[in-house]
Amino acid sequence: PRTTQSRSSAASDVYKRQEYESAVRRAREAIPDLSITTDLLVGFPGETEQEFEEGRRFCHGMGFAGIHVFPFSSRPGTPAANLHDDTPHEVKLRRLQHLQGVINHSIQRISESRMGTVQRILVEGPSKRDDSELMGRTECNRAVNLVGPSSLTGQMIDVRLTETRSYSLRGELIG
């Protein structure tokens, strides 16, 4: 397991992070509503609290539209399977919850910034929560619930976003 990090390795990590941030900034300049998601692993053998906090701050600053975060667990046949898993399960769960808080905040911020805008959605069918409503997805893969006829299923339509919800948006049919 990694217990110390050399100065050149740490500098290389900063350089890679700066390259990534620059690439994301350029992509967002070219596509303003771009949604970027990521997968993250917490509690990798040797991960320090400081490294976790650096990663958490990085995620907060990136404004990801989604993060799939999961705790490290050894998988047979992988190089990490031979590493000593020295991070307690409770620590992994706490780190997972902290990152989930970061993504929830980021999603809320993104959702609020879209309120009142017109978005094109693909209507997928009845809402899973309320079958009197339809559910569709924006071009950035955000779920939108709205009232409308079932004949819209499978169609691309324009909706005005009116409300943010925990895991979806609410919209109204335009036209």
N, C-alpha and C. Protein backbone atom coordinates (compact mmCIF):
# COMPACT_ATOMS: atom_id res chain seq x y z
N PRO A 1 0.81 -1.20 0.00
CA PRO A 1 0.00 0.00 0.00
C PRO A 1 0.85 1.26 0.00
N ARG A 2 0.25 2.28 -0.49
CA ARG A 2 0.90 3.57 -0.57
C ARG A 2 0.87 4.20 0.83
N THR A 3 2.02 4.52 1.39
CA THR A 3 2.05 5.16 2.69
C THR A 3 2.60 6.57 2.60
N THR A 4 3.45 6.83 1.64
CA THR A 4 3.97 8.18 1.43
C THR A 4 3.94 8.45 -0.06
N GLN A 5 3.96 9.69 -0.39
CA GLN A 5 3.94 10.07 -1.79
C GLN A 5 5.15 10.95 -2.05
N SER A 6 5.90 10.62 -3.06
CA SER A 6 7.08 11.42 -3.36
C SER A 6 6.66 12.78 -3.89
N ARG A 7 7.56 13.75 -3.74
CA ARG A 7 7.28 15.11 -4.19
C ARG A 7 6.98 15.12 -5.70
N SER A 8 7.72 14.34 -6.49
CA SER A 8 7.49 14.35 -7.93
C SER A 8 6.15 13.70 -8.28
N SER A 9 5.76 12.69 -7.53
CA SER A 9 4.47 12.05 -7.76
C SER A 9 3.33 13.00 -7.42
N ALA A 10 3.45 13.71 -6.30
CA ALA A 10 2.43 14.67 -5.90
C ALA A 10 2.33 15.79 -6.94
N ALA A 11 3.45 16.27 -7.43
CA ALA A 11 3.45 17.32 -8.46
C ALA A 11 2.79 16.81 -9.73
N SER A 12 3.06 15.56 -10.08
CA SER A 12 2.46 14.96 -11.28
C SER A 12 0.94 14.88 -11.13
N ASP A 13 0.46 14.53 -9.92
CA ASP A 13 -0.98 14.46 -9.68
C ASP A 13 -1.63 15.82 -9.84
N VAL A 14 -0.98 16.87 -9.32
CA VAL A 14 -1.50 18.23 -9.46
C VAL A 14 -1.55 18.62 -10.92
N TYR A 15 -0.51 18.28 -11.67
CA TYR A 15 -0.47 18.59 -13.09
C TYR A 15 -1.62 17.90 -13.83
N LYS A 16 -1.84 16.63 -13.53
CA LYS A 16 -2.92 15.88 -14.18
C LYS A 16 -4.28 16.49 -13.82
N ARG A 17 -4.45 16.88 -12.57
CA ARG A 17 -5.70 17.50 -12.14
C ARG A 17 -5.92 18.81 -12.88
N GLN A 18 -4.88 19.60 -13.03
CA GLN A 18 -4.99 20.88 -13.75
C GLN A 18 -5.32 20.65 -15.22
N GLU A 19 -4.73 19.62 -15.82
CA GLU A 19 -5.06 19.28 -17.21
C GLU A 19 -6.54 18.92 -17.34
N TYR A 20 -7.02 18.10 -16.41
CA TYR A 20 -8.42 17.68 -16.42
C TYR A 20 -9.34 18.88 -16.26
N GLU A 21 -9.05 19.74 -15.27
CA GLU A 21 -9.87 20.93 -15.04
C GLU A 21 -9.89 21.82 -16.28
N SER A 22 -8.75 21.96 -16.93
CA SER A 22 -8.66 22.78 -18.14
C SER A 22 -9.50 22.18 -19.27
N ALA A 23 -9.43 20.86 -19.43
CA ALA A 23 -10.21 20.20 -20.47
C ALA A 23 -11.71 20.35 -20.22
N VAL A 24 -12.12 20.22 -18.96
CA VAL A 24 -13.54 20.38 -18.62
C VAL A 24 -13.98 21.82 -18.87
N ARG A 25 -13.15 22.79 -18.48
CA ARG A 25 -13.48 24.20 -18.70
C ARG A 25 -13.67 24.48 -20.20
N ARG A 26 -12.77 23.97 -21.03
CA ARG A 26 -12.88 24.18 -22.48
C ARG A 26 -14.14 23.50 -23.03
N ALA A 27 -14.44 22.31 -22.55
CA ALA A 27 -15.64 21.60 -23.02
C ALA A 27 -16.90 22.36 -22.63
N ARG A 28 -16.93 22.91 -21.41
CA ARG A 28 -18.10 23.66 -20.97
C ARG A 28 -18.24 24.98 -21.71
N GLU A 29 -17.13 25.56 -22.12
CA GLU A 29 -17.20 26.79 -22.92
C GLU A 29 -17.80 26.47 -24.29
N ALA A 30 -17.46 25.31 -24.83
CA ALA A 30 -17.97 24.91 -26.14
C ALA A 30 -19.42 24.43 -26.06
N ILE A 31 -19.79 23.79 -24.95
CA ILE A 31 -21.13 23.23 -24.76
C ILE A 31 -21.61 23.67 -23.37
N PRO A 32 -22.24 24.83 -23.27
CA PRO A 32 -22.59 25.41 -21.96
C PRO A 32 -23.41 24.50 -21.04
N ASP A 33 -24.32 23.70 -21.55
CA ASP A 33 -25.15 22.85 -20.70
C ASP A 33 -24.57 21.44 -20.54
N LEU A 34 -23.30 21.29 -20.82
CA LEU A 34 -22.66 19.98 -20.75
C LEU A 34 -22.78 19.38 -19.36
N SER A 35 -23.15 18.12 -19.30
CA SER A 35 -23.21 17.38 -18.04
C SER A 35 -22.04 16.42 -17.98
N ILE A 36 -21.29 16.52 -16.92
CA ILE A 36 -20.14 15.63 -16.75
C ILE A 36 -20.37 14.83 -15.48
N THR A 37 -20.23 13.53 -15.59
CA THR A 37 -20.39 12.64 -14.45
C THR A 37 -19.09 11.87 -14.25
N THR A 38 -18.97 11.22 -13.12
CA THR A 38 -17.77 10.44 -12.85
C THR A 38 -18.09 9.29 -11.91
N ASP A 39 -17.23 8.31 -11.89
CA ASP A 39 -17.30 7.20 -10.95
C ASP A 39 -16.12 7.35 -10.00
N LEU A 40 -16.37 7.17 -8.72
CA LEU A 40 -15.31 7.30 -7.72
C LEU A 40 -15.31 6.13 -6.75
N LEU A 41 -14.14 5.82 -6.29
CA LEU A 41 -13.92 4.76 -5.33
C LEU A 41 -13.39 5.40 -4.05
N VAL A 42 -13.96 5.07 -2.91
CA VAL A 42 -13.44 5.57 -1.64
C VAL A 42 -12.86 4.41 -0.84
N GLY A 43 -11.86 4.72 -0.03
CA GLY A 43 -11.28 3.71 0.84
C GLY A 43 -10.32 2.77 0.17
N PHE A 44 -9.71 3.20 -0.95
CA PHE A 44 -8.70 2.35 -1.59
C PHE A 44 -7.56 2.15 -0.59
N PRO A 45 -6.97 0.97 -0.54
CA PRO A 45 -5.90 0.73 0.42
C PRO A 45 -4.83 1.83 0.38
N GLY A 46 -4.57 2.40 1.55
CA GLY A 46 -3.58 3.45 1.67
C GLY A 46 -4.14 4.86 1.53
N GLU A 47 -5.42 5.00 1.15
CA GLU A 47 -6.00 6.33 1.01
C GLU A 47 -6.00 7.03 2.37
N THR A 48 -5.37 8.20 2.42
CA THR A 48 -5.33 8.95 3.67
C THR A 48 -6.53 9.88 3.76
N GLU A 49 -6.76 10.39 4.96
CA GLU A 49 -7.85 11.35 5.15
C GLU A 49 -7.57 12.60 4.32
N GLN A 50 -6.31 13.02 4.26
CA GLN A 50 -5.95 14.19 3.46
C GLN A 50 -6.23 13.96 1.98
N GLU A 51 -5.88 12.79 1.46
CA GLU A 51 -6.16 12.49 0.05
C GLU A 51 -7.65 12.49 -0.23
N PHE A 52 -8.41 11.90 0.70
CA PHE A 52 -9.86 11.90 0.53
C PHE A 52 -10.39 13.33 0.49
N GLU A 53 -9.95 14.17 1.42
CA GLU A 53 -10.41 15.56 1.47
C GLU A 53 -10.04 16.33 0.21
N GLU A 54 -8.85 16.08 -0.33
CA GLU A 54 -8.45 16.72 -1.58
C GLU A 54 -9.39 16.30 -2.71
N GLY A 55 -9.72 15.02 -2.75
CA GLY A 55 -10.65 14.52 -3.76
C GLY A 55 -12.04 15.09 -3.60
N ARG A 56 -12.48 15.20 -2.35
CA ARG A 56 -13.81 15.77 -2.08
C ARG A 56 -13.88 17.23 -2.53
N ARG A 57 -12.85 17.99 -2.21
CA ARG A 57 -12.81 19.40 -2.64
C ARG A 57 -12.76 19.51 -4.16
N PHE A 58 -12.01 18.63 -4.79
CA PHE A 58 -11.94 18.61 -6.25
C PHE A 58 -13.33 18.37 -6.84
N CYS A 59 -14.04 17.37 -6.33
CA CYS A 59 -15.38 17.05 -6.83
C CYS A 59 -16.32 18.23 -6.62
N HIS A 60 -16.22 18.86 -5.46
CA HIS A 60 -17.07 20.02 -5.18
C HIS A 60 -16.81 21.13 -6.21
N GLY A 61 -15.56 21.38 -6.50
CA GLY A 61 -15.20 22.43 -7.44
C GLY A 61 -15.56 22.12 -8.88
N MET A 62 -15.62 20.84 -9.23
CA MET A 62 -15.91 20.46 -10.62
C MET A 62 -17.37 20.62 -10.98
N GLY A 63 -18.27 20.56 -10.01
CA GLY A 63 -19.68 20.69 -10.32
C GLY A 63 -20.20 19.54 -11.17
N PHE A 64 -19.83 18.33 -10.81
CA PHE A 64 -20.29 17.16 -11.57
C PHE A 64 -21.81 17.07 -11.55
N ALA A 65 -22.39 16.60 -12.63
CA ALA A 65 -23.83 16.41 -12.72
C ALA A 65 -24.25 15.08 -12.10
N GLY A 66 -23.29 14.26 -11.78
CA GLY A 66 -23.56 12.99 -11.14
C GLY A 66 -22.25 12.32 -10.75
N ILE A 67 -22.29 11.62 -9.64
CA ILE A 67 -21.13 10.85 -9.20
C ILE A 67 -21.65 9.50 -8.74
N HIS A 68 -21.11 8.45 -9.33
CA HIS A 68 -21.39 7.11 -8.81
C HIS A 68 -20.22 6.79 -7.91
N VAL A 69 -20.47 6.75 -6.62
CA VAL A 69 -19.40 6.52 -5.66
C VAL A 69 -19.64 5.20 -4.95
N PHE A 70 -18.58 4.44 -4.78
CA PHE A 70 -18.71 3.16 -4.11
C PHE A 70 -17.46 2.88 -3.28
N PRO A 71 -17.60 2.11 -2.21
CA PRO A 71 -16.45 1.80 -1.36
C PRO A 71 -15.58 0.72 -1.99
N PHE A 72 -14.28 0.81 -1.75
CA PHE A 72 -13.37 -0.22 -2.24
C PHE A 72 -13.71 -1.56 -1.61
N SER A 73 -13.69 -2.58 -2.45
CA SER A 73 -13.73 -3.96 -1.97
C SER A 73 -12.86 -4.76 -2.92
N SER A 74 -12.12 -5.65 -2.36
CA SER A 74 -11.17 -6.44 -3.13
C SER A 74 -11.89 -7.31 -4.17
N ARG A 75 -11.36 -7.33 -5.37
CA ARG A 75 -11.92 -8.17 -6.44
C ARG A 75 -10.83 -9.15 -6.89
N PRO A 76 -11.11 -10.44 -6.80
CA PRO A 76 -10.10 -11.44 -7.21
C PRO A 76 -9.65 -11.20 -8.66
N GLY A 77 -8.36 -11.38 -8.87
CA GLY A 77 -7.82 -11.27 -10.22
C GLY A 77 -7.39 -9.85 -10.59
N THR A 78 -7.63 -8.88 -9.72
CA THR A 78 -7.20 -7.51 -10.00
C THR A 78 -5.91 -7.23 -9.25
N PRO A 79 -5.11 -6.27 -9.73
CA PRO A 79 -3.88 -5.94 -9.00
C PRO A 79 -4.16 -5.51 -7.55
N ALA A 80 -5.28 -4.86 -7.31
CA ALA A 80 -5.59 -4.40 -5.95
C ALA A 80 -5.98 -5.54 -5.02
N ALA A 81 -6.27 -6.70 -5.56
CA ALA A 81 -6.67 -7.83 -4.72
C ALA A 81 -5.55 -8.24 -3.77
N ASN A 82 -4.32 -7.94 -4.12
CA ASN A 82 -3.18 -8.31 -3.29
C ASN A 82 -2.82 -7.25 -2.26
N LEU A 83 -3.51 -6.11 -2.27
CA LEU A 83 -3.22 -5.04 -1.33
C LEU A 83 -3.97 -5.27 -0.02
N HIS A 84 -3.34 -4.85 1.06
CA HIS A 84 -3.97 -4.96 2.37
C HIS A 84 -5.04 -3.88 2.49
N ASP A 85 -6.30 -4.27 2.65
CA ASP A 85 -7.41 -3.33 2.77
C ASP A 85 -7.44 -2.80 4.20
N ASP A 86 -6.74 -1.67 4.41
CA ASP A 86 -6.54 -1.15 5.76
C ASP A 86 -7.51 -0.04 6.15
N THR A 87 -8.50 0.24 5.31
CA THR A 87 -9.46 1.29 5.63
C THR A 87 -10.71 0.64 6.23
N PRO A 88 -11.02 1.00 7.49
CA PRO A 88 -12.20 0.40 8.13
C PRO A 88 -13.49 0.68 7.35
N HIS A 89 -14.40 -0.26 7.40
CA HIS A 89 -15.67 -0.16 6.69
C HIS A 89 -16.42 1.12 7.07
N GLU A 90 -16.41 1.49 8.36
CA GLU A 90 -17.12 2.69 8.81
C GLU A 90 -16.54 3.95 8.15
N VAL A 91 -15.21 3.96 7.96
CA VAL A 91 -14.55 5.11 7.32
C VAL A 91 -14.97 5.18 5.85
N LYS A 92 -15.03 4.04 5.20
CA LYS A 92 -15.47 4.02 3.79
C LYS A 92 -16.89 4.55 3.67
N LEU A 93 -17.77 4.12 4.57
CA LEU A 93 -19.16 4.58 4.52
C LEU A 93 -19.28 6.08 4.79
N ARG A 94 -18.49 6.58 5.74
CA ARG A 94 -18.50 8.02 6.03
C ARG A 94 -18.03 8.81 4.81
N ARG A 95 -16.97 8.34 4.18
CA ARG A 95 -16.46 9.02 2.99
C ARG A 95 -17.47 8.98 1.85
N LEU A 96 -18.12 7.84 1.70
CA LEU A 96 -19.16 7.70 0.67
C LEU A 96 -20.28 8.71 0.93
N GLN A 97 -20.71 8.84 2.17
CA GLN A 97 -21.78 9.78 2.51
C GLN A 97 -21.36 11.23 2.27
N HIS A 98 -20.11 11.54 2.57
CA HIS A 98 -19.61 12.90 2.33
C HIS A 98 -19.64 13.22 0.84
N LEU A 99 -19.20 12.27 0.02
CA LEU A 99 -19.22 12.51 -1.43
C LEU A 99 -20.66 12.58 -1.96
N GLN A 100 -21.55 11.80 -1.39
CA GLN A 100 -22.95 11.86 -1.81
C GLN A 100 -23.52 13.24 -1.49
N GLY A 101 -23.12 13.82 -0.37
CA GLY A 101 -23.53 15.18 -0.04
C GLY A 101 -23.01 16.19 -1.05
N VAL A 102 -21.79 16.00 -1.49
CA VAL A 102 -21.21 16.89 -2.51
C VAL A 102 -22.02 16.82 -3.79
N ILE A 103 -22.36 15.62 -4.23
CA ILE A 103 -23.10 15.50 -5.50
C ILE A 103 -24.52 16.02 -5.34
N ASN A 104 -25.15 15.79 -4.21
CA ASN A 104 -26.50 16.31 -4.01
C ASN A 104 -26.50 17.84 -4.10
N HIS A 105 -25.51 18.46 -3.50
CA HIS A 105 -25.38 19.92 -3.55
C HIS A 105 -25.15 20.38 -4.99
N SER A 106 -24.28 19.69 -5.69
CA SER A 106 -23.97 20.05 -7.07
C SER A 106 -25.20 19.91 -7.98
N ILE A 107 -25.93 18.81 -7.82
CA ILE A 107 -27.13 18.59 -8.63
C ILE A 107 -28.16 19.67 -8.35
N GLN A 108 -28.33 20.03 -7.08
CA GLN A 108 -29.29 21.08 -6.72
C GLN A 108 -28.90 22.40 -7.37
N ARG A 109 -27.62 22.72 -7.32
CA ARG A 109 -27.12 23.97 -7.91
C ARG A 109 -27.38 23.99 -9.42
N ILE A 110 -27.08 22.88 -10.09
CA ILE A 110 -27.30 22.78 -11.53
C ILE A 110 -28.80 22.89 -11.84
N SER A 111 -29.62 22.18 -11.08
CA SER A 111 -31.07 22.20 -11.31
C SER A 111 -31.63 23.60 -11.15
N GLU A 112 -31.23 24.29 -10.10
CA GLU A 112 -31.73 25.64 -9.87
C GLU A 112 -31.31 26.59 -10.99
N SER A 113 -30.13 26.38 -11.54
CA SER A 113 -29.67 27.27 -12.62
C SER A 113 -30.46 27.06 -13.91
N ARG A 114 -31.16 25.94 -14.02
CA ARG A 114 -31.94 25.63 -15.23
C ARG A 114 -33.41 26.05 -15.12
N MET A 115 -33.85 26.47 -13.91
CA MET A 115 -35.25 26.82 -13.74
C MET A 115 -35.64 27.96 -14.68
N GLY A 116 -36.81 27.77 -15.32
CA GLY A 116 -37.33 28.76 -16.25
C GLY A 116 -36.83 28.59 -17.67
N THR A 117 -35.84 27.73 -17.86
CA THR A 117 -35.31 27.52 -19.22
C THR A 117 -36.17 26.51 -19.96
N VAL A 118 -36.09 26.56 -21.26
CA VAL A 118 -36.77 25.58 -22.10
C VAL A 118 -35.77 24.49 -22.45
N GLN A 119 -36.17 23.26 -22.20
CA GLN A 119 -35.32 22.11 -22.47
C GLN A 119 -36.04 21.14 -23.39
N ARG A 120 -35.30 20.53 -24.26
CA ARG A 120 -35.84 19.49 -25.15
C ARG A 120 -35.72 18.18 -24.40
N ILE A 121 -36.81 17.42 -24.31
CA ILE A 121 -36.77 16.13 -23.63
C ILE A 121 -37.32 15.02 -24.53
N LEU A 122 -36.85 13.83 -24.29
CA LEU A 122 -37.41 12.63 -24.90
C LEU A 122 -38.36 12.04 -23.88
N VAL A 123 -39.64 11.96 -24.23
CA VAL A 123 -40.64 11.42 -23.33
C VAL A 123 -40.52 9.90 -23.34
N GLU A 124 -40.25 9.33 -22.15
CA GLU A 124 -40.04 7.89 -22.03
C GLU A 124 -41.32 7.14 -21.73
N GLY A 125 -42.28 7.79 -21.07
CA GLY A 125 -43.53 7.12 -20.73
C GLY A 125 -44.06 7.62 -19.41
N PRO A 126 -44.94 6.85 -18.78
CA PRO A 126 -45.52 7.27 -17.51
C PRO A 126 -44.44 7.40 -16.43
N SER A 127 -44.64 8.36 -15.54
CA SER A 127 -43.74 8.54 -14.41
C SER A 127 -43.85 7.34 -13.49
N LYS A 128 -42.74 6.93 -12.92
CA LYS A 128 -42.75 5.80 -11.98
C LYS A 128 -43.42 6.17 -10.66
N ARG A 129 -43.37 7.45 -10.31
CA ARG A 129 -43.94 7.89 -9.03
C ARG A 129 -45.42 8.25 -9.14
N ASP A 130 -45.84 8.67 -10.31
CA ASP A 130 -47.23 9.11 -10.48
C ASP A 130 -47.63 8.81 -11.92
N ASP A 131 -48.42 7.76 -12.12
CA ASP A 131 -48.73 7.35 -13.49
C ASP A 131 -49.71 8.29 -14.20
N SER A 132 -50.12 9.38 -13.52
CA SER A 132 -50.93 10.39 -14.21
C SER A 132 -50.02 11.42 -14.89
N GLU A 133 -48.71 11.27 -14.68
CA GLU A 133 -47.73 12.17 -15.30
C GLU A 133 -46.83 11.39 -16.25
N LEU A 134 -46.15 12.14 -17.09
CA LEU A 134 -45.15 11.56 -17.98
C LEU A 134 -43.77 11.84 -17.42
N MET A 135 -42.81 11.04 -17.83
CA MET A 135 -41.42 11.26 -17.47
C MET A 135 -40.59 11.24 -18.73
N GLY A 136 -39.68 12.19 -18.83
CA GLY A 136 -38.76 12.23 -19.95
C GLY A 136 -37.38 12.62 -19.46
N ARG A 137 -36.44 12.68 -20.39
CA ARG A 137 -35.07 13.04 -20.03
C ARG A 137 -34.57 14.14 -20.95
N THR A 138 -33.87 15.09 -20.31
CA THR A 138 -33.26 16.18 -21.08
C THR A 138 -32.09 15.64 -21.87
N GLU A 139 -31.55 16.47 -22.72
CA GLU A 139 -30.37 16.08 -23.49
C GLU A 139 -29.17 15.85 -22.57
N CYS A 140 -29.25 16.36 -21.34
CA CYS A 140 -28.20 16.14 -20.33
C CYS A 140 -28.57 15.03 -19.37
N ASN A 141 -29.58 14.24 -19.72
CA ASN A 141 -30.00 13.04 -18.99
C ASN A 141 -30.64 13.32 -17.63
N ARG A 142 -31.23 14.48 -17.44
CA ARG A 142 -31.97 14.77 -16.21
C ARG A 142 -33.43 14.36 -16.39
N ALA A 143 -33.98 13.68 -15.40
CA ALA A 143 -35.37 13.25 -15.45
C ALA A 143 -36.28 14.46 -15.23
N VAL A 144 -37.32 14.55 -16.05
CA VAL A 144 -38.30 15.63 -15.96
C VAL A 144 -39.69 15.00 -15.94
N ASN A 145 -40.50 15.38 -14.96
CA ASN A 145 -41.89 14.94 -14.87
C ASN A 145 -42.78 16.07 -15.34
N LEU A 146 -43.86 15.72 -16.05
CA LEU A 146 -44.79 16.72 -16.55
C LEU A 146 -46.14 16.10 -16.81
N VAL A 147 -47.14 16.95 -16.89
CA VAL A 147 -48.49 16.52 -17.24
C VAL A 147 -48.60 16.62 -18.75
N GLY A 148 -49.13 15.57 -19.37
CA GLY A 148 -49.33 15.57 -20.82
C GLY A 148 -49.94 14.26 -21.26
N PRO A 149 -50.39 14.21 -22.50
CA PRO A 149 -51.03 12.98 -23.00
C PRO A 149 -50.00 11.88 -23.25
N SER A 150 -50.41 10.65 -23.04
CA SER A 150 -49.51 9.51 -23.24
C SER A 150 -49.06 9.38 -24.70
N SER A 151 -49.76 10.03 -25.62
CA SER A 151 -49.38 9.99 -27.03
C SER A 151 -48.02 10.66 -27.28
N LEU A 152 -47.51 11.40 -26.29
CA LEU A 152 -46.20 12.04 -26.43
C LEU A 152 -45.04 11.06 -26.21
N THR A 153 -45.34 9.87 -25.69
CA THR A 153 -44.30 8.88 -25.43
C THR A 153 -43.52 8.60 -26.71
N GLY A 154 -42.20 8.65 -26.57
CA GLY A 154 -41.31 8.40 -27.71
C GLY A 154 -40.98 9.63 -28.51
N GLN A 155 -41.57 10.76 -28.16
CA GLN A 155 -41.34 11.99 -28.92
C GLN A 155 -40.39 12.93 -28.19
N MET A 156 -39.73 13.76 -28.99
CA MET A 156 -38.92 14.85 -28.45
C MET A 156 -39.84 16.06 -28.36
N ILE A 157 -39.92 16.66 -27.17
CA ILE A 157 -40.78 17.82 -26.98
C ILE A 157 -40.03 18.90 -26.20
N ASP A 158 -40.52 20.12 -26.25
CA ASP A 158 -39.96 21.21 -25.47
C ASP A 158 -40.78 21.42 -24.21
N VAL A 159 -40.09 21.56 -23.08
CA VAL A 159 -40.73 21.86 -21.81
C VAL A 159 -40.01 23.01 -21.13
N ARG A 160 -40.77 23.76 -20.36
CA ARG A 160 -40.17 24.80 -19.52
C ARG A 160 -40.01 24.21 -18.12
N LEU A 161 -38.80 24.28 -17.58
CA LEU A 161 -38.54 23.73 -16.24
C LEU A 161 -39.11 24.67 -15.19
N THR A 162 -39.88 24.10 -14.25
CA THR A 162 -40.59 24.92 -13.27
C THR A 162 -40.24 24.62 -11.82
N GLU A 163 -39.66 23.44 -11.55
CA GLU A 163 -39.42 23.06 -10.15
C GLU A 163 -38.31 22.04 -10.07
N THR A 164 -37.52 22.15 -9.00
CA THR A 164 -36.51 21.12 -8.74
C THR A 164 -37.05 20.19 -7.68
N ARG A 165 -36.72 18.93 -7.84
CA ARG A 165 -37.07 17.91 -6.86
C ARG A 165 -35.78 17.18 -6.50
N SER A 166 -35.86 16.29 -5.54
CA SER A 166 -34.65 15.59 -5.08
C SER A 166 -33.91 14.90 -6.22
N TYR A 167 -34.62 14.13 -7.03
CA TYR A 167 -33.94 13.35 -8.06
C TYR A 167 -34.46 13.64 -9.46
N SER A 168 -35.25 14.69 -9.59
CA SER A 168 -35.80 15.00 -10.90
C SER A 168 -36.17 16.48 -10.96
N LEU A 169 -36.69 16.86 -12.11
CA LEU A 169 -37.17 18.22 -12.33
C LEU A 169 -38.65 18.13 -12.69
N ARG A 170 -39.32 19.23 -12.60
CA ARG A 170 -40.72 19.31 -13.04
C ARG A 170 -40.75 20.31 -14.17
N GLY A 171 -41.55 20.00 -15.17
CA GLY A 171 -41.67 20.91 -16.31
C GLY A 171 -43.08 21.00 -16.80
N GLU A 172 -43.29 22.00 -17.68
CA GLU A 172 -44.61 22.14 -18.30
C GLU A 172 -44.43 22.14 -19.81
N LEU A 173 -45.34 21.48 -20.46
CA LEU A 173 -45.34 21.36 -21.91
C LEU A 173 -45.48 22.75 -22.53
N ILE A 174 -44.70 23.01 -23.56
CA ILE A 174 -44.79 24.27 -24.27
C ILE A 174 -45.58 24.02 -25.56
N GLY A 175 -46.56 24.88 -25.79
CA GLY A 175 -47.34 24.76 -27.02
C GLY A 175 -48.48 23.87 -26.93
